[in-house]
Amino acid sequence: MAPDGAYVKCDFIKGDVVVYSHRIADNNLETVDAFQAAEYYWLEGGQIIHKDDIQLASPAELKAKRRLDPPAALFISGEL
């Protein structure tokens, strides 16, 4: 067995469904194809992107087949 330092550590694996961060104006779901050195990933559409610009798609996003905007407010309490 190789020592821990011999393994490449990555945040996503081939086949993970991800969405772009909200600073990127694209709501499509993407699939990770491969890890690249220096924290970059190839997506199936041919794009290469840094790990900080994607995140795993949530179950709700998978169901909606797109990135969802975060809710403006979770609860409104008190009298109006």
PDB file of N, CA and C in Angstrom:
ATOM      1  N   MET A   1       0.844  -1.173   0.000  1.00  0.00           N
ATOM      2  CA  MET A   1       0.000   0.000   0.000  1.00  0.00           C
ATOM      3  C   MET A   1       0.894   1.242   0.000  1.00  0.00           C
ATOM      4  N   ALA A   2       0.562   2.206  -0.832  1.00  0.00           N
ATOM      5  CA  ALA A   2       1.353   3.437  -0.947  1.00  0.00           C
ATOM      6  C   ALA A   2       1.044   4.382   0.212  1.00  0.00           C
ATOM      7  N   PRO A   3       2.009   5.231   0.575  1.00  0.00           N
ATOM      8  CA  PRO A   3       1.752   6.214   1.631  1.00  0.00           C
ATOM      9  C   PRO A   3       0.723   7.245   1.172  1.00  0.00           C
ATOM     10  N   ASP A   4       0.042   7.897   2.134  1.00  0.00           N
ATOM     11  CA  ASP A   4      -1.008   8.868   1.812  1.00  0.00           C
ATOM     12  C   ASP A   4      -0.534   9.940   0.838  1.00  0.00           C
ATOM     13  N   GLY A   5       0.684  10.396   0.942  1.00  0.00           N
ATOM     14  CA  GLY A   5       1.199  11.439   0.064  1.00  0.00           C
ATOM     15  C   GLY A   5       1.309  11.024  -1.390  1.00  0.00           C
ATOM     16  N   ALA A   6       1.227   9.731  -1.664  1.00  0.00           N
ATOM     17  CA  ALA A   6       1.349   9.233  -3.040  1.00  0.00           C
ATOM     18  C   ALA A   6       0.034   9.334  -3.814  1.00  0.00           C
ATOM     19  N   TYR A   7      -1.069   9.554  -3.122  1.00  0.00           N
ATOM     20  CA  TYR A   7      -2.376   9.609  -3.758  1.00  0.00           C
ATOM     21  C   TYR A   7      -2.745  11.040  -4.122  1.00  0.00           C
ATOM     22  N   VAL A   8      -3.401  11.209  -5.268  1.00  0.00           N
ATOM     23  CA  VAL A   8      -3.920  12.514  -5.672  1.00  0.00           C
ATOM     24  C   VAL A   8      -5.246  12.717  -4.950  1.00  0.00           C
ATOM     25  N   LYS A   9      -5.356  13.815  -4.244  1.00  0.00           N
ATOM     26  CA  LYS A   9      -6.594  14.111  -3.524  1.00  0.00           C
ATOM     27  C   LYS A   9      -7.403  15.104  -4.353  1.00  0.00           C
ATOM     28  N   CYS A  10      -8.672  14.782  -4.598  1.00  0.00           N
ATOM     29  CA  CYS A  10      -9.512  15.673  -5.384  1.00  0.00           C
ATOM     30  C   CYS A  10     -10.883  15.795  -4.739  1.00  0.00           C
ATOM     31  N   ASP A  11     -11.557  16.888  -5.055  1.00  0.00           N
ATOM     32  CA  ASP A  11     -12.868  17.173  -4.475  1.00  0.00           C
ATOM     33  C   ASP A  11     -14.003  16.475  -5.215  1.00  0.00           C
ATOM     34  N   PHE A  12     -13.803  16.196  -6.492  1.00  0.00           N
ATOM     35  CA  PHE A  12     -14.835  15.594  -7.325  1.00  0.00           C
ATOM     36  C   PHE A  12     -14.245  14.391  -8.054  1.00  0.00           C
ATOM     37  N   ILE A  13     -15.106  13.461  -8.419  1.00  0.00           N
ATOM     38  CA  ILE A  13     -14.666  12.292  -9.177  1.00  0.00           C
ATOM     39  C   ILE A  13     -15.424  12.237 -10.503  1.00  0.00           C
ATOM     40  N   LYS A  14     -14.882  11.459 -11.430  1.00  0.00           N
ATOM     41  CA  LYS A  14     -15.524  11.290 -12.739  1.00  0.00           C
ATOM     42  C   LYS A  14     -16.973  10.860 -12.535  1.00  0.00           C
ATOM     43  N   GLY A  15     -17.879  11.561 -13.208  1.00  0.00           N
ATOM     44  CA  GLY A  15     -19.299  11.235 -13.118  1.00  0.00           C
ATOM     45  C   GLY A  15     -20.082  12.103 -12.156  1.00  0.00           C
ATOM     46  N   ASP A  16     -19.389  12.865 -11.284  1.00  0.00           N
ATOM     47  CA  ASP A  16     -20.098  13.780 -10.386  1.00  0.00           C
ATOM     48  C   ASP A  16     -20.849  14.827 -11.195  1.00  0.00           C
ATOM     49  N   VAL A  17     -22.087  15.103 -10.796  1.00  0.00           N
ATOM     50  CA  VAL A  17     -22.872  16.160 -11.430  1.00  0.00           C
ATOM     51  C   VAL A  17     -22.682  17.418 -10.598  1.00  0.00           C
ATOM     52  N   VAL A  18     -22.274  18.489 -11.270  1.00  0.00           N
ATOM     53  CA  VAL A  18     -21.946  19.736 -10.588  1.00  0.00           C
ATOM     54  C   VAL A  18     -22.687  20.900 -11.232  1.00  0.00           C
ATOM     55  N   VAL A  19     -22.715  22.015 -10.501  1.00  0.00           N
ATOM     56  CA  VAL A  19     -23.212  23.285 -11.025  1.00  0.00           C
ATOM     57  C   VAL A  19     -22.113  24.311 -10.851  1.00  0.00           C
ATOM     58  N   TYR A  20     -22.162  25.348 -11.682  1.00  0.00           N
ATOM     59  CA  TYR A  20     -21.209  26.437 -11.552  1.00  0.00           C
ATOM     60  C   TYR A  20     -21.548  27.283 -10.336  1.00  0.00           C
ATOM     61  N   SER A  21     -20.536  27.964  -9.788  1.00  0.00           N
ATOM     62  CA  SER A  21     -20.791  28.899  -8.699  1.00  0.00           C
ATOM     63  C   SER A  21     -21.679  30.019  -9.232  1.00  0.00           C
ATOM     64  N   HIS A  22     -22.308  30.755  -8.321  1.00  0.00           N
ATOM     65  CA  HIS A  22     -23.265  31.778  -8.731  1.00  0.00           C
ATOM     66  C   HIS A  22     -22.614  32.974  -9.415  1.00  0.00           C
ATOM     67  N   ARG A  23     -21.307  33.100  -9.349  1.00  0.00           N
ATOM     68  CA  ARG A  23     -20.661  34.212 -10.062  1.00  0.00           C
ATOM     69  C   ARG A  23     -20.512  33.925 -11.553  1.00  0.00           C
ATOM     70  N   ILE A  24     -20.826  32.698 -11.959  1.00  0.00           N
ATOM     71  CA  ILE A  24     -20.811  32.321 -13.379  1.00  0.00           C
ATOM     72  C   ILE A  24     -22.258  32.229 -13.844  1.00  0.00           C
ATOM     73  N   ALA A  25     -22.591  32.950 -14.884  1.00  0.00           N
ATOM     74  CA  ALA A  25     -23.978  33.055 -15.354  1.00  0.00           C
ATOM     75  C   ALA A  25     -24.362  31.879 -16.248  1.00  0.00           C
ATOM     76  N   ASP A  26     -24.326  30.695 -15.690  1.00  0.00           N
ATOM     77  CA  ASP A  26     -24.715  29.486 -16.413  1.00  0.00           C
ATOM     78  C   ASP A  26     -25.397  28.562 -15.415  1.00  0.00           C
ATOM     79  N   ASN A  27     -26.650  28.242 -15.651  1.00  0.00           N
ATOM     80  CA  ASN A  27     -27.429  27.419 -14.717  1.00  0.00           C
ATOM     81  C   ASN A  27     -27.451  25.941 -15.071  1.00  0.00           C
ATOM     82  N   ASN A  28     -26.712  25.542 -16.100  1.00  0.00           N
ATOM     83  CA  ASN A  28     -26.736  24.148 -16.553  1.00  0.00           C
ATOM     84  C   ASN A  28     -26.039  23.212 -15.570  1.00  0.00           C
ATOM     85  N   LEU A  29     -26.503  21.985 -15.547  1.00  0.00           N
ATOM     86  CA  LEU A  29     -25.794  20.926 -14.832  1.00  0.00           C
ATOM     87  C   LEU A  29     -24.646  20.463 -15.724  1.00  0.00           C
ATOM     88  N   GLU A  30     -23.526  20.131 -15.117  1.00  0.00           N
ATOM     89  CA  GLU A  30     -22.365  19.627 -15.847  1.00  0.00           C
ATOM     90  C   GLU A  30     -21.893  18.341 -15.173  1.00  0.00           C
ATOM     91  N   THR A  31     -21.166  17.522 -15.904  1.00  0.00           N
ATOM     92  CA  THR A  31     -20.643  16.273 -15.357  1.00  0.00           C
ATOM     93  C   THR A  31     -19.122  16.296 -15.424  1.00  0.00           C
ATOM     94  N   VAL A  32     -18.497  15.927 -14.316  1.00  0.00           N
ATOM     95  CA  VAL A  32     -17.033  15.891 -14.248  1.00  0.00           C
ATOM     96  C   VAL A  32     -16.532  14.721 -15.083  1.00  0.00           C
ATOM     97  N   ASP A  33     -15.542  15.006 -15.929  1.00  0.00           N
ATOM     98  CA  ASP A  33     -14.960  13.959 -16.775  1.00  0.00           C
ATOM     99  C   ASP A  33     -13.612  13.494 -16.229  1.00  0.00           C
ATOM    100  N   ALA A  34     -12.787  14.433 -15.729  1.00  0.00           N
ATOM    101  CA  ALA A  34     -11.460  14.047 -15.246  1.00  0.00           C
ATOM    102  C   ALA A  34     -10.866  15.147 -14.379  1.00  0.00           C
ATOM    103  N   PHE A  35      -9.942  14.751 -13.515  1.00  0.00           N
ATOM    104  CA  PHE A  35      -9.188  15.697 -12.683  1.00  0.00           C
ATOM    105  C   PHE A  35      -7.950  16.117 -13.440  1.00  0.00           C
ATOM    106  N   GLN A  36      -7.618  17.384 -13.365  1.00  0.00           N
ATOM    107  CA  GLN A  36      -6.385  17.916 -13.928  1.00  0.00           C
ATOM    108  C   GLN A  36      -5.511  18.391 -12.769  1.00  0.00           C
ATOM    109  N   ALA A  37      -4.257  18.489 -12.986  1.00  0.00           N
ATOM    110  CA  ALA A  37      -3.346  18.981 -11.948  1.00  0.00           C
ATOM    111  C   ALA A  37      -3.711  20.410 -11.548  1.00  0.00           C
ATOM    112  N   ALA A  38      -3.289  20.795 -10.355  1.00  0.00           N
ATOM    113  CA  ALA A  38      -3.476  22.158  -9.837  1.00  0.00           C
ATOM    114  C   ALA A  38      -4.939  22.515  -9.611  1.00  0.00           C
ATOM    115  N   GLU A  39      -5.737  21.556  -9.171  1.00  0.00           N
ATOM    116  CA  GLU A  39      -7.115  21.788  -8.733  1.00  0.00           C
ATOM    117  C   GLU A  39      -8.085  22.161  -9.848  1.00  0.00           C
ATOM    118  N   TYR A  40      -7.851  21.685 -11.046  1.00  0.00           N
ATOM    119  CA  TYR A  40      -8.757  21.937 -12.167  1.00  0.00           C
ATOM    120  C   TYR A  40      -9.432  20.643 -12.586  1.00  0.00           C
ATOM    121  N   TYR A  41     -10.599  20.768 -13.193  1.00  0.00           N
ATOM    122  CA  TYR A  41     -11.374  19.611 -13.652  1.00  0.00           C
ATOM    123  C   TYR A  41     -11.811  19.811 -15.085  1.00  0.00           C
ATOM    124  N   TRP A  42     -11.774  18.720 -15.855  1.00  0.00           N
ATOM    125  CA  TRP A  42     -12.376  18.694 -17.180  1.00  0.00           C
ATOM    126  C   TRP A  42     -13.835  18.329 -16.986  1.00  0.00           C
ATOM    127  N   LEU A  43     -14.734  19.037 -17.661  1.00  0.00           N
ATOM    128  CA  LEU A  43     -16.146  18.687 -17.670  1.00  0.00           C
ATOM    129  C   LEU A  43     -16.443  17.994 -18.991  1.00  0.00           C
ATOM    130  N   GLU A  44     -17.521  17.227 -19.054  1.00  0.00           N
ATOM    131  CA  GLU A  44     -17.819  16.440 -20.256  1.00  0.00           C
ATOM    132  C   GLU A  44     -18.001  17.293 -21.497  1.00  0.00           C
ATOM    133  N   GLY A  45     -18.418  18.533 -21.352  1.00  0.00           N
ATOM    134  CA  GLY A  45     -18.588  19.410 -22.511  1.00  0.00           C
ATOM    135  C   GLY A  45     -17.286  19.975 -23.041  1.00  0.00           C
ATOM    136  N   GLY A  46     -16.154  19.632 -22.414  1.00  0.00           N
ATOM    137  CA  GLY A  46     -14.854  20.090 -22.877  1.00  0.00           C
ATOM    138  C   GLY A  46     -14.299  21.281 -22.113  1.00  0.00           C
ATOM    139  N   GLN A  47     -15.075  21.827 -21.175  1.00  0.00           N
ATOM    140  CA  GLN A  47     -14.592  22.952 -20.397  1.00  0.00           C
ATOM    141  C   GLN A  47     -13.611  22.482 -19.335  1.00  0.00           C
ATOM    142  N   ILE A  48     -12.666  23.352 -19.006  1.00  0.00           N
ATOM    143  CA  ILE A  48     -11.787  23.107 -17.877  1.00  0.00           C
ATOM    144  C   ILE A  48     -12.085  24.208 -16.869  1.00  0.00           C
ATOM    145  N   ILE A  49     -12.221  23.826 -15.603  1.00  0.00           N
ATOM    146  CA  ILE A  49     -12.650  24.791 -14.601  1.00  0.00           C
ATOM    147  C   ILE A  49     -11.969  24.510 -13.266  1.00  0.00           C
ATOM    148  N   HIS A  50     -11.734  25.562 -12.502  1.00  0.00           N
ATOM    149  CA  HIS A  50     -11.115  25.441 -11.183  1.00  0.00           C
ATOM    150  C   HIS A  50     -12.137  24.901 -10.189  1.00  0.00           C
ATOM    151  N   LYS A  51     -11.671  24.148  -9.222  1.00  0.00           N
ATOM    152  CA  LYS A  51     -12.567  23.514  -8.241  1.00  0.00           C
ATOM    153  C   LYS A  51     -13.401  24.518  -7.463  1.00  0.00           C
ATOM    154  N   ASP A  52     -12.917  25.752  -7.292  1.00  0.00           N
ATOM    155  CA  ASP A  52     -13.680  26.756  -6.546  1.00  0.00           C
ATOM    156  C   ASP A  52     -14.839  27.337  -7.344  1.00  0.00           C
ATOM    157  N   ASP A  53     -14.915  27.032  -8.640  1.00  0.00           N
ATOM    158  CA  ASP A  53     -15.979  27.565  -9.489  1.00  0.00           C
ATOM    159  C   ASP A  53     -17.101  26.576  -9.744  1.00  0.00           C
ATOM    160  N   ILE A  54     -17.047  25.398  -9.084  1.00  0.00           N
ATOM    161  CA  ILE A  54     -18.123  24.416  -9.200  1.00  0.00           C
ATOM    162  C   ILE A  54     -18.432  23.836  -7.825  1.00  0.00           C
ATOM    163  N   GLN A  55     -19.621  23.262  -7.718  1.00  0.00           N
ATOM    164  CA  GLN A  55     -20.013  22.547  -6.497  1.00  0.00           C
ATOM    165  C   GLN A  55     -20.946  21.415  -6.897  1.00  0.00           C
ATOM    166  N   LEU A  56     -21.032  20.401  -6.040  1.00  0.00           N
ATOM    167  CA  LEU A  56     -21.939  19.296  -6.337  1.00  0.00           C
ATOM    168  C   LEU A  56     -23.364  19.816  -6.455  1.00  0.00           C
ATOM    169  N   ALA A  57     -24.098  19.303  -7.421  1.00  0.00           N
ATOM    170  CA  ALA A  57     -25.500  19.674  -7.577  1.00  0.00           C
ATOM    171  C   ALA A  57     -26.298  19.083  -6.421  1.00  0.00           C
ATOM    172  N   SER A  58     -27.216  19.871  -5.877  1.00  0.00           N
ATOM    173  CA  SER A  58     -28.067  19.400  -4.783  1.00  0.00           C
ATOM    174  C   SER A  58     -29.148  18.479  -5.348  1.00  0.00           C
ATOM    175  N   PRO A  59     -29.808  17.701  -4.488  1.00  0.00           N
ATOM    176  CA  PRO A  59     -30.913  16.859  -4.975  1.00  0.00           C
ATOM    177  C   PRO A  59     -32.001  17.683  -5.677  1.00  0.00           C
ATOM    178  N   ALA A  60     -32.302  18.875  -5.161  1.00  0.00           N
ATOM    179  CA  ALA A  60     -33.316  19.727  -5.800  1.00  0.00           C
ATOM    180  C   ALA A  60     -32.851  20.178  -7.184  1.00  0.00           C
ATOM    181  N   GLU A  61     -31.555  20.486  -7.326  1.00  0.00           N
ATOM    182  CA  GLU A  61     -31.024  20.886  -8.628  1.00  0.00           C
ATOM    183  C   GLU A  61     -31.035  19.718  -9.607  1.00  0.00           C
ATOM    184  N   LEU A  62     -30.732  18.527  -9.127  1.00  0.00           N
ATOM    185  CA  LEU A  62     -30.801  17.344  -9.988  1.00  0.00           C
ATOM    186  C   LEU A  62     -32.223  17.139 -10.495  1.00  0.00           C
ATOM    187  N   LYS A  63     -33.198  17.318  -9.598  1.00  0.00           N
ATOM    188  CA  LYS A  63     -34.603  17.145  -9.979  1.00  0.00           C
ATOM    189  C   LYS A  63     -35.040  18.221 -10.970  1.00  0.00           C
ATOM    190  N   ALA A  64     -34.588  19.473 -10.748  1.00  0.00           N
ATOM    191  CA  ALA A  64     -34.951  20.587 -11.626  1.00  0.00           C
ATOM    192  C   ALA A  64     -34.131  20.603 -12.919  1.00  0.00           C
ATOM    193  N   LYS A  65     -33.050  19.821 -12.943  1.00  0.00           N
ATOM    194  CA  LYS A  65     -32.146  19.739 -14.098  1.00  0.00           C
ATOM    195  C   LYS A  65     -31.478  21.079 -14.411  1.00  0.00           C
ATOM    196  N   ARG A  66     -31.201  21.872 -13.352  1.00  0.00           N
ATOM    197  CA  ARG A  66     -30.518  23.156 -13.502  1.00  0.00           C
ATOM    198  C   ARG A  66     -30.093  23.669 -12.137  1.00  0.00           C
ATOM    199  N   ARG A  67     -29.193  24.651 -12.129  1.00  0.00           N
ATOM    200  CA  ARG A  67     -28.780  25.290 -10.882  1.00  0.00           C
ATOM    201  C   ARG A  67     -29.936  26.142 -10.384  1.00  0.00           C
ATOM    202  N   LEU A  68     -30.185  26.101  -9.086  1.00  0.00           N
ATOM    203  CA  LEU A  68     -31.249  26.893  -8.475  1.00  0.00           C
ATOM    204  C   LEU A  68     -30.636  28.051  -7.709  1.00  0.00           C
ATOM    205  N   ASP A  69     -31.311  29.193  -7.734  1.00  0.00           N
ATOM    206  CA  ASP A  69     -30.862  30.344  -6.958  1.00  0.00           C
ATOM    207  C   ASP A  69     -31.165  30.102  -5.491  1.00  0.00           C
ATOM    208  N   PRO A  70     -30.295  30.599  -4.593  1.00  0.00           N
ATOM    209  CA  PRO A  70     -30.585  30.453  -3.164  1.00  0.00           C
ATOM    210  C   PRO A  70     -31.820  31.270  -2.803  1.00  0.00           C
ATOM    211  N   PRO A  71     -32.596  30.810  -1.840  1.00  0.00           N
ATOM    212  CA  PRO A  71     -33.802  31.566  -1.459  1.00  0.00           C
ATOM    213  C   PRO A  71     -33.430  32.920  -0.870  1.00  0.00           C
ATOM    214  N   ALA A  72     -34.245  33.922  -1.156  1.00  0.00           N
ATOM    215  CA  ALA A  72     -33.995  35.269  -0.642  1.00  0.00           C
ATOM    216  C   ALA A  72     -34.178  35.303   0.870  1.00  0.00           C
ATOM    217  N   ALA A  73     -35.156  34.573   1.376  1.00  0.00           N
ATOM    218  CA  ALA A  73     -35.376  34.491   2.821  1.00  0.00           C
ATOM    219  C   ALA A  73     -35.966  33.123   3.138  1.00  0.00           C
ATOM    220  N   LEU A  74     -35.481  32.512   4.197  1.00  0.00           N
ATOM    221  CA  LEU A  74     -36.011  31.205   4.565  1.00  0.00           C
ATOM    222  C   LEU A  74     -37.328  31.319   5.318  1.00  0.00           C
ATOM    223  N   PHE A  75     -37.401  32.236   6.260  1.00  0.00           N
ATOM    224  CA  PHE A  75     -38.601  32.417   7.070  1.00  0.00           C
ATOM    225  C   PHE A  75     -38.812  33.903   7.312  1.00  0.00           C
ATOM    226  N   ILE A  76     -40.051  34.292   7.332  1.00  0.00           N
ATOM    227  CA  ILE A  76     -40.405  35.641   7.751  1.00  0.00           C
ATOM    228  C   ILE A  76     -41.246  35.472   8.998  1.00  0.00           C
ATOM    229  N   SER A  77     -40.767  36.021  10.094  1.00  0.00           N
ATOM    230  CA  SER A  77     -41.496  35.851  11.352  1.00  0.00           C
ATOM    231  C   SER A  77     -41.964  37.200  11.872  1.00  0.00           C
ATOM    232  N   GLY A  78     -42.899  37.129  12.769  1.00  0.00           N
ATOM    233  CA  GLY A  78     -43.420  38.350  13.388  1.00  0.00           C
ATOM    234  C   GLY A  78     -44.610  38.907  12.632  1.00  0.00           C
ATOM    235  N   GLU A  79     -45.223  39.906  13.222  1.00  0.00           N
ATOM    236  CA  GLU A  79     -46.404  40.552  12.629  1.00  0.00           C
ATOM    237  C   GLU A  79     -45.967  41.546  11.564  1.00  0.00           C
ATOM    238  N   LEU A  80     -46.744  41.653  10.525  1.00  0.00           N
ATOM    239  CA  LEU A  80     -46.484  42.638   9.476  1.00  0.00           C
ATOM    240  C   LEU A  80     -47.210  43.914   9.759  1.00  0.00           C
TER     241      LEU A  80
END
